[in-house]
Amino acid sequence: MPSATYHEARVFITGDTEEDRFLPEGPRPIVLEGRDALLWVNIQTAPDATAGALHLRFWDTGEHRVWPLPGRPGFVFPTSRPGVVLIGMGKEVGLYDLAHREWHPLATIADPNPRTIINDGEVAPGGRAVVFGTKDTHFADPIAGLYLFTVGDNVVSLLAGEQVCSNGKVLARDGSDLVLFDIDTPTRRVVRYRLDVAARIATLESVAVEVLEFPGFPDGMRDAGEGTAIIAFYNPDPVKDGRAVRFDLASGKAVEHWSIPTSPRVTCPCLVQRPDGVKLVLTTATEGMPATLRESATEAGNLFLAETDLVACPPPGLVQLD
């Protein structure tokens, strides 16, 4: 395997306020009104906030739109209906109409614990199912889980319990089977499940990637094609710069690195195909950052853009509603 390569990201989108920078997550490419755009969530706007927002930036003009939400969103996915997105928010999965600013819940997870909310997720190949996780908002106890939502019947099922912060996911086909790569952040590893959507069962198979040698915690993860995935590292330590790494999921080896200057709490990667090649978008956060660190981490909470070695990126997940 060739030696790993290194890139440095640059600031792409600057948050207008400290609230906008608190906890950006889950960037996704989307086409809205016939225009290419980038969509992401801000899970919450302050330490004690119980609501967040959707953000969107058009590539052509840089226009930035914001939709305040009634709860804390963990993920957002484009759907086959123009202007409608699927959101996991609080303990509900539902549809949000961007034009009319209307929220339509579809399903609720069977978890009454006030400390758990929906976190990261991914669309399964074919677009008729979504796998997502929840997190303990105290980041302390194994009270969260891994869930399956299926489109059409709007059923949510628990796939695995006893997680603390169920984060990045990648779904890949293996013949007629689906393989799910999943991160429970405090374990600092990516594990491999065999996923049977029809039976609503995930069978744990093995550890795919150990990231103990990397500072910080693995947070968001996205498929990078060619059997690889990019992981963003959220580093709570008093350091200035952040990182993201692309790993080979078969060998567990790092094959590409990105540094994120003056923003150590990197939350999620997203690959986008642009006219001049495949770019990497990275969300970062100020969440939990003491004032002394915030002074040196001057770009914390902004979105970053970087070059990649990739010649193509996997097609973005699209929820097929019809």
C-alpha atoms as a PDB file:
ATOM      1  CA  MET A   1       0.000   0.000   0.000  1.00  0.00           C
ATOM      2  CA  PRO A   2       1.410   3.468  -0.897  1.00  0.00           C
ATOM      3  CA  SER A   3       2.496   5.811   1.866  1.00  0.00           C
ATOM      4  CA  ALA A   4      -0.216   7.972   3.410  1.00  0.00           C
ATOM      5  CA  THR A   5      -0.576  11.501   2.060  1.00  0.00           C
ATOM      6  CA  TYR A   6      -1.203  14.725   3.975  1.00  0.00           C
ATOM      7  CA  HIS A   7      -3.338  17.797   3.276  1.00  0.00           C
ATOM      8  CA  GLU A   8      -4.229  20.978   5.146  1.00  0.00           C
ATOM      9  CA  ALA A   9      -7.827  22.180   5.173  1.00  0.00           C
ATOM     10  CA  ARG A  10      -8.806  25.820   4.833  1.00  0.00           C
ATOM     11  CA  VAL A  11     -11.768  27.754   6.210  1.00  0.00           C
ATOM     12  CA  PHE A  12     -14.744  27.459   3.878  1.00  0.00           C
ATOM     13  CA  ILE A  13     -17.792  28.779   5.774  1.00  0.00           C
ATOM     14  CA  THR A  14     -17.514  31.045   8.811  1.00  0.00           C
ATOM     15  CA  GLY A  15     -20.263  30.907  11.409  1.00  0.00           C
ATOM     16  CA  ASP A  16     -21.976  34.268  11.779  1.00  0.00           C
ATOM     17  CA  THR A  17     -22.399  33.868  15.547  1.00  0.00           C
ATOM     18  CA  GLU A  18     -21.043  31.767  18.399  1.00  0.00           C
ATOM     19  CA  GLU A  19     -24.422  29.989  18.404  1.00  0.00           C
ATOM     20  CA  ASP A  20     -23.877  28.909  14.766  1.00  0.00           C
ATOM     21  CA  ARG A  21     -20.462  27.516  15.697  1.00  0.00           C
ATOM     22  CA  PHE A  22     -21.508  25.533  18.763  1.00  0.00           C
ATOM     23  CA  LEU A  23     -22.143  22.065  17.299  1.00  0.00           C
ATOM     24  CA  PRO A  24     -22.268  21.844  13.465  1.00  0.00           C
ATOM     25  CA  GLU A  25     -22.543  18.233  12.238  1.00  0.00           C
ATOM     26  CA  GLY A  26     -23.571  15.939   9.402  1.00  0.00           C
ATOM     27  CA  PRO A  27     -22.832  17.891   6.184  1.00  0.00           C
ATOM     28  CA  ARG A  28     -24.525  16.521   3.054  1.00  0.00           C
ATOM     29  CA  PRO A  29     -24.665  17.552  -0.615  1.00  0.00           C
ATOM     30  CA  ILE A  30     -28.157  18.462  -1.766  1.00  0.00           C
ATOM     31  CA  VAL A  31     -29.826  19.912  -4.843  1.00  0.00           C
ATOM     32  CA  LEU A  32     -32.382  22.564  -3.922  1.00  0.00           C
ATOM     33  CA  GLU A  33     -34.312  24.612  -6.464  1.00  0.00           C
ATOM     34  CA  GLY A  34     -32.098  23.085  -9.172  1.00  0.00           C
ATOM     35  CA  ARG A  35     -28.903  24.370  -7.512  1.00  0.00           C
ATOM     36  CA  ASP A  36     -26.091  22.424  -5.856  1.00  0.00           C
ATOM     37  CA  ALA A  37     -25.792  23.183  -2.167  1.00  0.00           C
ATOM     38  CA  LEU A  38     -24.332  21.922   1.102  1.00  0.00           C
ATOM     39  CA  LEU A  39     -26.692  21.107   3.983  1.00  0.00           C
ATOM     40  CA  TRP A  40     -25.745  20.536   7.638  1.00  0.00           C
ATOM     41  CA  VAL A  41     -27.223  20.586  11.135  1.00  0.00           C
ATOM     42  CA  ASN A  42     -26.267  22.610  14.164  1.00  0.00           C
ATOM     43  CA  ILE A  43     -27.308  20.157  16.868  1.00  0.00           C
ATOM     44  CA  GLN A  44     -27.717  22.856  19.482  1.00  0.00           C
ATOM     45  CA  THR A  45     -26.754  26.482  19.846  1.00  0.00           C
ATOM     46  CA  ALA A  46     -25.461  26.581  23.441  1.00  0.00           C
ATOM     47  CA  PRO A  47     -24.664  24.195  26.320  1.00  0.00           C
ATOM     48  CA  ASP A  48     -28.189  24.394  27.735  1.00  0.00           C
ATOM     49  CA  ALA A  49     -30.060  24.761  24.428  1.00  0.00           C
ATOM     50  CA  THR A  50     -32.808  22.263  23.620  1.00  0.00           C
ATOM     51  CA  ALA A  51     -33.088  23.195  19.943  1.00  0.00           C
ATOM     52  CA  GLY A  52     -30.860  23.525  16.907  1.00  0.00           C
ATOM     53  CA  ALA A  53     -31.087  24.419  13.239  1.00  0.00           C
ATOM     54  CA  LEU A  54     -30.554  23.397   9.637  1.00  0.00           C
ATOM     55  CA  HIS A  55     -28.051  25.366   7.571  1.00  0.00           C
ATOM     56  CA  LEU A  56     -27.642  25.423   3.798  1.00  0.00           C
ATOM     57  CA  ARG A  57     -25.108  27.146   1.547  1.00  0.00           C
ATOM     58  CA  PHE A  58     -25.423  27.296  -2.238  1.00  0.00           C
ATOM     59  CA  TRP A  59     -22.199  26.643  -4.131  1.00  0.00           C
ATOM     60  CA  ASP A  60     -22.917  29.100  -6.948  1.00  0.00           C
ATOM     61  CA  THR A  61     -23.551  32.308  -5.001  1.00  0.00           C
ATOM     62  CA  GLY A  62     -22.614  31.498  -1.412  1.00  0.00           C
ATOM     63  CA  GLU A  63     -26.163  32.281  -0.282  1.00  0.00           C
ATOM     64  CA  HIS A  64     -26.693  30.928   3.250  1.00  0.00           C
ATOM     65  CA  ARG A  65     -30.113  29.894   4.565  1.00  0.00           C
ATOM     66  CA  VAL A  66     -31.047  28.833   8.099  1.00  0.00           C
ATOM     67  CA  TRP A  67     -34.096  26.931   9.403  1.00  0.00           C
ATOM     68  CA  PRO A  68     -34.524  26.990  13.218  1.00  0.00           C
ATOM     69  CA  LEU A  69     -35.885  23.652  14.429  1.00  0.00           C
ATOM     70  CA  PRO A  70     -38.094  22.698  17.385  1.00  0.00           C
ATOM     71  CA  GLY A  71     -35.554  20.202  18.756  1.00  0.00           C
ATOM     72  CA  ARG A  72     -31.944  19.005  18.525  1.00  0.00           C
ATOM     73  CA  PRO A  73     -31.223  17.440  15.095  1.00  0.00           C
ATOM     74  CA  GLY A  74     -28.702  14.604  14.872  1.00  0.00           C
ATOM     75  CA  PHE A  75     -28.790  13.975  11.125  1.00  0.00           C
ATOM     76  CA  VAL A  76     -30.374  15.271   7.925  1.00  0.00           C
ATOM     77  CA  PHE A  77     -30.684  13.497   4.547  1.00  0.00           C
ATOM     78  CA  PRO A  78     -31.975  14.694   1.176  1.00  0.00           C
ATOM     79  CA  THR A  79     -34.971  12.760  -0.124  1.00  0.00           C
ATOM     80  CA  SER A  80     -36.509  11.977  -3.499  1.00  0.00           C
ATOM     81  CA  ARG A  81     -39.077  14.733  -2.910  1.00  0.00           C
ATOM     82  CA  PRO A  82     -37.661  18.127  -3.889  1.00  0.00           C
ATOM     83  CA  GLY A  83     -37.362  20.473  -0.942  1.00  0.00           C
ATOM     84  CA  VAL A  84     -38.115  17.761   1.634  1.00  0.00           C
ATOM     85  CA  VAL A  85     -35.466  16.282   3.936  1.00  0.00           C
ATOM     86  CA  LEU A  86     -35.467  13.470   6.489  1.00  0.00           C
ATOM     87  CA  ILE A  87     -34.298  14.503   9.955  1.00  0.00           C
ATOM     88  CA  GLY A  88     -33.567  12.621  13.158  1.00  0.00           C
ATOM     89  CA  MET A  89     -34.381  15.060  15.968  1.00  0.00           C
ATOM     90  CA  GLY A  90     -34.681  14.475  19.686  1.00  0.00           C
ATOM     91  CA  LYS A  91     -36.330  11.064  19.763  1.00  0.00           C
ATOM     92  CA  GLU A  92     -38.200  11.364  16.468  1.00  0.00           C
ATOM     93  CA  VAL A  93     -37.530  10.674  12.793  1.00  0.00           C
ATOM     94  CA  GLY A  94     -39.534  12.808  10.419  1.00  0.00           C
ATOM     95  CA  LEU A  95     -39.805  14.897   7.284  1.00  0.00           C
ATOM     96  CA  TYR A  96     -39.122  18.614   7.083  1.00  0.00           C
ATOM     97  CA  ASP A  97     -40.499  20.754   4.263  1.00  0.00           C
ATOM     98  CA  LEU A  98     -37.901  23.461   3.632  1.00  0.00           C
ATOM     99  CA  ALA A  99     -40.209  25.765   1.671  1.00  0.00           C
ATOM    100  CA  HIS A 100     -43.046  25.702   4.193  1.00  0.00           C
ATOM    101  CA  ARG A 101     -40.852  25.234   7.303  1.00  0.00           C
ATOM    102  CA  GLU A 102     -43.068  22.365   8.450  1.00  0.00           C
ATOM    103  CA  TRP A 103     -42.037  19.380  10.598  1.00  0.00           C
ATOM    104  CA  HIS A 104     -43.877  16.056  10.129  1.00  0.00           C
ATOM    105  CA  PRO A 105     -42.844  13.301  12.600  1.00  0.00           C
ATOM    106  CA  LEU A 106     -42.947   9.752  11.247  1.00  0.00           C
ATOM    107  CA  ALA A 107     -41.637   7.573  14.080  1.00  0.00           C
ATOM    108  CA  THR A 108     -40.449   7.775  17.693  1.00  0.00           C
ATOM    109  CA  ILE A 109     -37.748   5.662  19.294  1.00  0.00           C
ATOM    110  CA  ALA A 110     -38.881   3.611  22.290  1.00  0.00           C
ATOM    111  CA  ASP A 111     -36.506   5.198  24.761  1.00  0.00           C
ATOM    112  CA  PRO A 112     -37.917   7.473  27.498  1.00  0.00           C
ATOM    113  CA  ASN A 113     -34.510   8.321  29.003  1.00  0.00           C
ATOM    114  CA  PRO A 114     -34.269  12.141  29.105  1.00  0.00           C
ATOM    115  CA  ARG A 115     -30.507  11.986  28.532  1.00  0.00           C
ATOM    116  CA  THR A 116     -30.613  10.291  25.108  1.00  0.00           C
ATOM    117  CA  ILE A 117     -31.207  11.964  21.747  1.00  0.00           C
ATOM    118  CA  ILE A 118     -30.761  10.905  18.122  1.00  0.00           C
ATOM    119  CA  ASN A 119     -27.227  11.396  16.818  1.00  0.00           C
ATOM    120  CA  ASP A 120     -25.491  10.444  13.545  1.00  0.00           C
ATOM    121  CA  GLY A 121     -26.891   8.178  10.831  1.00  0.00           C
ATOM    122  CA  GLU A 122     -26.564   6.931   7.269  1.00  0.00           C
ATOM    123  CA  VAL A 123     -28.840   5.937   4.383  1.00  0.00           C
ATOM    124  CA  ALA A 124     -28.684   2.294   3.325  1.00  0.00           C
ATOM    125  CA  PRO A 125     -28.054   1.442  -0.347  1.00  0.00           C
ATOM    126  CA  GLY A 126     -31.343   1.692  -2.221  1.00  0.00           C
ATOM    127  CA  GLY A 127     -32.554   4.533  -0.015  1.00  0.00           C
ATOM    128  CA  ARG A 128     -35.362   2.633   1.735  1.00  0.00           C
ATOM    129  CA  ALA A 129     -33.732   2.313   5.152  1.00  0.00           C
ATOM    130  CA  VAL A 130     -31.690   4.448   7.515  1.00  0.00           C
ATOM    131  CA  VAL A 131     -29.364   3.342  10.292  1.00  0.00           C
ATOM    132  CA  PHE A 132     -28.792   5.834  13.087  1.00  0.00           C
ATOM    133  CA  GLY A 133     -27.580   6.047  16.650  1.00  0.00           C
ATOM    134  CA  THR A 134     -28.406   7.866  19.838  1.00  0.00           C
ATOM    135  CA  LYS A 135     -26.097   9.419  22.396  1.00  0.00           C
ATOM    136  CA  ASP A 136     -25.963  10.030  26.113  1.00  0.00           C
ATOM    137  CA  THR A 137     -25.860  13.829  26.282  1.00  0.00           C
ATOM    138  CA  HIS A 138     -23.636  13.487  29.366  1.00  0.00           C
ATOM    139  CA  PHE A 139     -21.219  11.290  27.356  1.00  0.00           C
ATOM    140  CA  ALA A 140     -20.975   9.018  30.386  1.00  0.00           C
ATOM    141  CA  ASP A 141     -23.077   5.843  30.424  1.00  0.00           C
ATOM    142  CA  PRO A 142     -24.009   3.033  27.973  1.00  0.00           C
ATOM    143  CA  ILE A 143     -27.654   4.078  27.719  1.00  0.00           C
ATOM    144  CA  ALA A 144     -27.717   4.802  23.970  1.00  0.00           C
ATOM    145  CA  GLY A 145     -28.263   2.502  21.019  1.00  0.00           C
ATOM    146  CA  LEU A 146     -28.102   1.719  17.320  1.00  0.00           C
ATOM    147  CA  TYR A 147     -31.381   1.811  15.380  1.00  0.00           C
ATOM    148  CA  LEU A 148     -32.931   0.932  12.017  1.00  0.00           C
ATOM    149  CA  PHE A 149     -35.667   3.054  10.408  1.00  0.00           C
ATOM    150  CA  THR A 150     -37.435   1.722   7.332  1.00  0.00           C
ATOM    151  CA  VAL A 151     -39.186   3.934   4.808  1.00  0.00           C
ATOM    152  CA  GLY A 152     -42.815   3.273   3.940  1.00  0.00           C
ATOM    153  CA  ASP A 153     -43.860   1.492   7.117  1.00  0.00           C
ATOM    154  CA  ASN A 154     -42.035   4.091   9.288  1.00  0.00           C
ATOM    155  CA  VAL A 155     -40.888   1.447  11.764  1.00  0.00           C
ATOM    156  CA  VAL A 156     -37.936   1.964  14.115  1.00  0.00           C
ATOM    157  CA  SER A 157     -36.154  -1.058  15.618  1.00  0.00           C
ATOM    158  CA  LEU A 158     -33.289  -1.320  18.086  1.00  0.00           C
ATOM    159  CA  LEU A 159     -30.313  -3.116  16.500  1.00  0.00           C
ATOM    160  CA  ALA A 160     -27.834  -2.865  19.385  1.00  0.00           C
ATOM    161  CA  GLY A 161     -27.865  -1.337  22.851  1.00  0.00           C
ATOM    162  CA  GLU A 162     -25.351  -0.353  25.512  1.00  0.00           C
ATOM    163  CA  GLN A 163     -23.648   2.367  23.529  1.00  0.00           C
ATOM    164  CA  VAL A 164     -22.589   5.741  24.915  1.00  0.00           C
ATOM    165  CA  CYS A 165     -22.376   7.872  21.778  1.00  0.00           C
ATOM    166  CA  SER A 166     -23.340   6.083  18.564  1.00  0.00           C
ATOM    167  CA  ASN A 167     -21.660   8.157  15.874  1.00  0.00           C
ATOM    168  CA  GLY A 168     -20.349   7.693  12.302  1.00  0.00           C
ATOM    169  CA  LYS A 169     -21.691   4.933  10.073  1.00  0.00           C
ATOM    170  CA  VAL A 170     -20.850   3.460   6.663  1.00  0.00           C
ATOM    171  CA  LEU A 171     -23.036   0.923   4.845  1.00  0.00           C
ATOM    172  CA  ALA A 172     -21.614  -1.193   2.033  1.00  0.00           C
ATOM    173  CA  ARG A 173     -22.826  -4.091  -0.089  1.00  0.00           C
ATOM    174  CA  ASP A 174     -21.096  -7.457   0.201  1.00  0.00           C
ATOM    175  CA  GLY A 175     -22.745  -9.525  -2.484  1.00  0.00           C
ATOM    176  CA  SER A 176     -26.404  -9.735  -1.475  1.00  0.00           C
ATOM    177  CA  ASP A 177     -25.589  -8.733   2.118  1.00  0.00           C
ATOM    178  CA  LEU A 178     -25.137  -5.368   3.776  1.00  0.00           C
ATOM    179  CA  VAL A 179     -22.170  -4.601   5.985  1.00  0.00           C
ATOM    180  CA  LEU A 180     -22.467  -1.832   8.554  1.00  0.00           C
ATOM    181  CA  PHE A 181     -19.375  -0.094   9.935  1.00  0.00           C
ATOM    182  CA  ASP A 182     -20.213   1.708  13.153  1.00  0.00           C
ATOM    183  CA  ILE A 183     -18.514   3.947  15.725  1.00  0.00           C
ATOM    184  CA  ASP A 184     -19.418   4.119  19.414  1.00  0.00           C
ATOM    185  CA  THR A 185     -17.139   7.077  20.097  1.00  0.00           C
ATOM    186  CA  PRO A 186     -15.685   6.262  23.575  1.00  0.00           C
ATOM    187  CA  THR A 187     -14.472   2.829  22.392  1.00  0.00           C
ATOM    188  CA  ARG A 188     -12.247   4.530  19.775  1.00  0.00           C
ATOM    189  CA  ARG A 189     -12.848   1.781  17.252  1.00  0.00           C
ATOM    190  CA  VAL A 190     -14.892   1.008  14.154  1.00  0.00           C
ATOM    191  CA  VAL A 191     -16.780  -2.286  14.382  1.00  0.00           C
ATOM    192  CA  ARG A 192     -18.277  -4.347  11.580  1.00  0.00           C
ATOM    193  CA  TYR A 193     -21.845  -5.700  11.636  1.00  0.00           C
ATOM    194  CA  ARG A 194     -23.702  -7.913   9.155  1.00  0.00           C
ATOM    195  CA  LEU A 195     -27.034  -6.121   8.646  1.00  0.00           C
ATOM    196  CA  ASP A 196     -30.242  -7.902   7.640  1.00  0.00           C
ATOM    197  CA  VAL A 197     -32.765  -5.139   6.966  1.00  0.00           C
ATOM    198  CA  ALA A 198     -35.686  -7.521   6.318  1.00  0.00           C
ATOM    199  CA  ALA A 199     -35.115  -9.344   9.612  1.00  0.00           C
ATOM    200  CA  ARG A 200     -34.170  -6.073  11.360  1.00  0.00           C
ATOM    201  CA  ILE A 201     -31.045  -7.672  12.850  1.00  0.00           C
ATOM    202  CA  ALA A 202     -27.414  -6.515  13.044  1.00  0.00           C
ATOM    203  CA  THR A 203     -24.891  -9.236  13.876  1.00  0.00           C
ATOM    204  CA  LEU A 204     -21.555  -8.068  15.281  1.00  0.00           C
ATOM    205  CA  GLU A 205     -18.653  -9.600  13.342  1.00  0.00           C
ATOM    206  CA  SER A 206     -15.340  -7.923  14.170  1.00  0.00           C
ATOM    207  CA  VAL A 207     -13.335  -4.777  14.852  1.00  0.00           C
ATOM    208  CA  ALA A 208     -12.423  -3.120  11.540  1.00  0.00           C
ATOM    209  CA  VAL A 209     -10.314  -0.151  12.682  1.00  0.00           C
ATOM    210  CA  GLU A 210      -8.596   0.750  15.968  1.00  0.00           C
ATOM    211  CA  VAL A 211      -7.774   4.436  16.349  1.00  0.00           C
ATOM    212  CA  LEU A 212      -6.081   4.384  19.746  1.00  0.00           C
ATOM    213  CA  GLU A 213      -2.880   5.900  18.325  1.00  0.00           C
ATOM    214  CA  PHE A 214      -4.721   9.032  17.181  1.00  0.00           C
ATOM    215  CA  PRO A 215      -5.433  11.846  19.645  1.00  0.00           C
ATOM    216  CA  GLY A 216      -9.066  12.638  20.223  1.00  0.00           C
ATOM    217  CA  PHE A 217     -12.228  10.627  19.696  1.00  0.00           C
ATOM    218  CA  PRO A 218     -13.635   9.307  16.404  1.00  0.00           C
ATOM    219  CA  ASP A 219     -16.811  11.219  15.615  1.00  0.00           C
ATOM    220  CA  GLY A 220     -18.451  11.385  12.181  1.00  0.00           C
ATOM    221  CA  MET A 221     -17.478   8.916   9.440  1.00  0.00           C
ATOM    222  CA  ARG A 222     -18.268   8.817   5.729  1.00  0.00           C
ATOM    223  CA  ASP A 223     -17.763   6.318   2.925  1.00  0.00           C
ATOM    224  CA  ALA A 224     -14.867   7.353   0.672  1.00  0.00           C
ATOM    225  CA  GLY A 225     -15.148   4.503  -1.841  1.00  0.00           C
ATOM    226  CA  GLU A 226     -12.506   1.902  -2.687  1.00  0.00           C
ATOM    227  CA  GLY A 227     -13.162   0.162   0.648  1.00  0.00           C
ATOM    228  CA  THR A 228     -12.133   3.226   2.650  1.00  0.00           C
ATOM    229  CA  ALA A 229     -13.804   5.660   5.035  1.00  0.00           C
ATOM    230  CA  ILE A 230     -12.922   9.096   6.404  1.00  0.00           C
ATOM    231  CA  ILE A 231     -13.179   9.696  10.160  1.00  0.00           C
ATOM    232  CA  ALA A 232     -13.286  13.101  11.844  1.00  0.00           C
ATOM    233  CA  PHE A 233     -11.570  13.315  15.237  1.00  0.00           C
ATOM    234  CA  TYR A 234     -13.093  15.394  18.025  1.00  0.00           C
ATOM    235  CA  ASN A 235     -10.223  16.307  20.333  1.00  0.00           C
ATOM    236  CA  PRO A 236     -11.255  17.658  23.772  1.00  0.00           C
ATOM    237  CA  ASP A 237      -7.627  18.216  24.806  1.00  0.00           C
ATOM    238  CA  PRO A 238      -6.047  21.714  24.936  1.00  0.00           C
ATOM    239  CA  VAL A 239      -4.600  21.518  21.423  1.00  0.00           C
ATOM    240  CA  LYS A 240      -4.989  24.032  18.610  1.00  0.00           C
ATOM    241  CA  ASP A 241      -5.379  21.935  15.452  1.00  0.00           C
ATOM    242  CA  GLY A 242      -7.744  19.138  14.457  1.00  0.00           C
ATOM    243  CA  ARG A 243      -7.528  16.124  12.170  1.00  0.00           C
ATOM    244  CA  ALA A 244      -9.391  13.755   9.901  1.00  0.00           C
ATOM    245  CA  VAL A 245      -8.058  10.471   8.528  1.00  0.00           C
ATOM    246  CA  ARG A 246      -9.059   8.120   5.716  1.00  0.00           C
ATOM    247  CA  PHE A 247      -8.702   4.446   6.627  1.00  0.00           C
ATOM    248  CA  ASP A 248      -8.683   1.241   4.622  1.00  0.00           C
ATOM    249  CA  LEU A 249     -11.532  -0.738   6.196  1.00  0.00           C
ATOM    250  CA  ALA A 250     -10.009  -4.125   5.356  1.00  0.00           C
ATOM    251  CA  SER A 251      -6.567  -3.510   6.855  1.00  0.00           C
ATOM    252  CA  GLY A 252      -7.367  -0.733   9.331  1.00  0.00           C
ATOM    253  CA  LYS A 253      -4.436   1.309   7.967  1.00  0.00           C
ATOM    254  CA  ALA A 254      -4.480   5.088   7.514  1.00  0.00           C
ATOM    255  CA  VAL A 255      -4.067   6.105   3.862  1.00  0.00           C
ATOM    256  CA  GLU A 256      -4.760   9.864   3.877  1.00  0.00           C
ATOM    257  CA  HIS A 257      -4.587  12.603   6.524  1.00  0.00           C
ATOM    258  CA  TRP A 258      -5.985  16.124   6.864  1.00  0.00           C
ATOM    259  CA  SER A 259      -5.042  18.773   9.409  1.00  0.00           C
ATOM    260  CA  ILE A 260      -7.605  21.400  10.386  1.00  0.00           C
ATOM    261  CA  PRO A 261      -5.774  24.526  11.586  1.00  0.00           C
ATOM    262  CA  THR A 262      -6.968  26.196  14.808  1.00  0.00           C
ATOM    263  CA  SER A 263     -10.070  23.995  15.139  1.00  0.00           C
ATOM    264  CA  PRO A 264      -9.460  20.788  17.135  1.00  0.00           C
ATOM    265  CA  ARG A 265     -13.027  19.550  17.619  1.00  0.00           C
ATOM    266  CA  VAL A 266     -13.757  18.118  14.177  1.00  0.00           C
ATOM    267  CA  THR A 267     -17.211  16.568  14.041  1.00  0.00           C
ATOM    268  CA  CYS A 268     -17.947  15.164  10.575  1.00  0.00           C
ATOM    269  CA  PRO A 269     -16.555  14.752   7.029  1.00  0.00           C
ATOM    270  CA  CYS A 270     -18.390  14.963   3.720  1.00  0.00           C
ATOM    271  CA  LEU A 271     -17.067  14.313   0.219  1.00  0.00           C
ATOM    272  CA  VAL A 272     -18.395  16.494  -2.592  1.00  0.00           C
ATOM    273  CA  GLN A 273     -17.775  16.256  -6.321  1.00  0.00           C
ATOM    274  CA  ARG A 274     -16.884  19.696  -7.665  1.00  0.00           C
ATOM    275  CA  PRO A 275     -15.860  20.737 -11.201  1.00  0.00           C
ATOM    276  CA  ASP A 276     -12.192  20.756 -10.174  1.00  0.00           C
ATOM    277  CA  GLY A 277     -12.235  17.421  -8.369  1.00  0.00           C
ATOM    278  CA  VAL A 278     -13.334  15.662  -5.179  1.00  0.00           C
ATOM    279  CA  LYS A 279     -13.245  17.928  -2.137  1.00  0.00           C
ATOM    280  CA  LEU A 280     -13.590  17.188   1.554  1.00  0.00           C
ATOM    281  CA  VAL A 281     -15.888  19.327   3.713  1.00  0.00           C
ATOM    282  CA  LEU A 282     -15.403  19.144   7.481  1.00  0.00           C
ATOM    283  CA  THR A 283     -17.636  20.502  10.224  1.00  0.00           C
ATOM    284  CA  THR A 284     -16.051  21.594  13.520  1.00  0.00           C
ATOM    285  CA  ALA A 285     -17.428  22.723  16.885  1.00  0.00           C
ATOM    286  CA  THR A 286     -16.792  24.925  19.902  1.00  0.00           C
ATOM    287  CA  GLU A 287     -18.873  22.680  22.186  1.00  0.00           C
ATOM    288  CA  GLY A 288     -17.362  22.464  25.680  1.00  0.00           C
ATOM    289  CA  MET A 289     -14.355  24.587  24.759  1.00  0.00           C
ATOM    290  CA  PRO A 290     -12.924  26.652  27.648  1.00  0.00           C
ATOM    291  CA  ALA A 291     -12.343  30.342  26.995  1.00  0.00           C
ATOM    292  CA  THR A 292      -8.560  29.983  27.072  1.00  0.00           C
ATOM    293  CA  LEU A 293      -8.640  27.376  24.296  1.00  0.00           C
ATOM    294  CA  ARG A 294     -11.255  29.287  22.321  1.00  0.00           C
ATOM    295  CA  GLU A 295      -8.823  32.214  22.147  1.00  0.00           C
ATOM    296  CA  SER A 296      -6.218  30.105  20.332  1.00  0.00           C
ATOM    297  CA  ALA A 297      -8.661  27.890  18.398  1.00  0.00           C
ATOM    298  CA  THR A 298      -9.766  30.922  16.415  1.00  0.00           C
ATOM    299  CA  GLU A 299     -11.554  29.025  13.625  1.00  0.00           C
ATOM    300  CA  ALA A 300     -13.395  26.555  15.857  1.00  0.00           C
ATOM    301  CA  GLY A 301     -16.970  25.968  14.796  1.00  0.00           C
ATOM    302  CA  ASN A 302     -16.389  26.893  11.165  1.00  0.00           C
ATOM    303  CA  LEU A 303     -16.653  24.577   8.157  1.00  0.00           C
ATOM    304  CA  PHE A 304     -13.471  23.678   6.302  1.00  0.00           C
ATOM    305  CA  LEU A 305     -12.647  22.560   2.757  1.00  0.00           C
ATOM    306  CA  ALA A 306      -9.700  20.435   1.628  1.00  0.00           C
ATOM    307  CA  GLU A 307      -8.207  18.697  -1.385  1.00  0.00           C
ATOM    308  CA  THR A 308      -8.228  14.890  -1.609  1.00  0.00           C
ATOM    309  CA  ASP A 309      -6.418  12.135  -3.489  1.00  0.00           C
ATOM    310  CA  LEU A 310      -9.735  10.702  -4.657  1.00  0.00           C
ATOM    311  CA  VAL A 311     -10.752  10.768  -8.323  1.00  0.00           C
ATOM    312  CA  ALA A 312     -14.424  10.057  -7.543  1.00  0.00           C
ATOM    313  CA  CYS A 313     -16.641   9.925  -4.503  1.00  0.00           C
ATOM    314  CA  PRO A 314     -19.535   7.597  -3.715  1.00  0.00           C
ATOM    315  CA  PRO A 315     -22.971   8.952  -4.660  1.00  0.00           C
ATOM    316  CA  PRO A 316     -24.555  10.719  -1.680  1.00  0.00           C
ATOM    317  CA  GLY A 317     -27.280   8.911   0.207  1.00  0.00           C
ATOM    318  CA  LEU A 318     -30.812   9.775  -0.909  1.00  0.00           C
ATOM    319  CA  VAL A 319     -33.899   8.630   0.988  1.00  0.00           C
ATOM    320  CA  GLN A 320     -36.399   7.208  -1.517  1.00  0.00           C
ATOM    321  CA  LEU A 321     -39.827   8.233  -0.262  1.00  0.00           C
ATOM    322  CA  ASP A 322     -41.936   7.272  -3.302  1.00  0.00           C
END
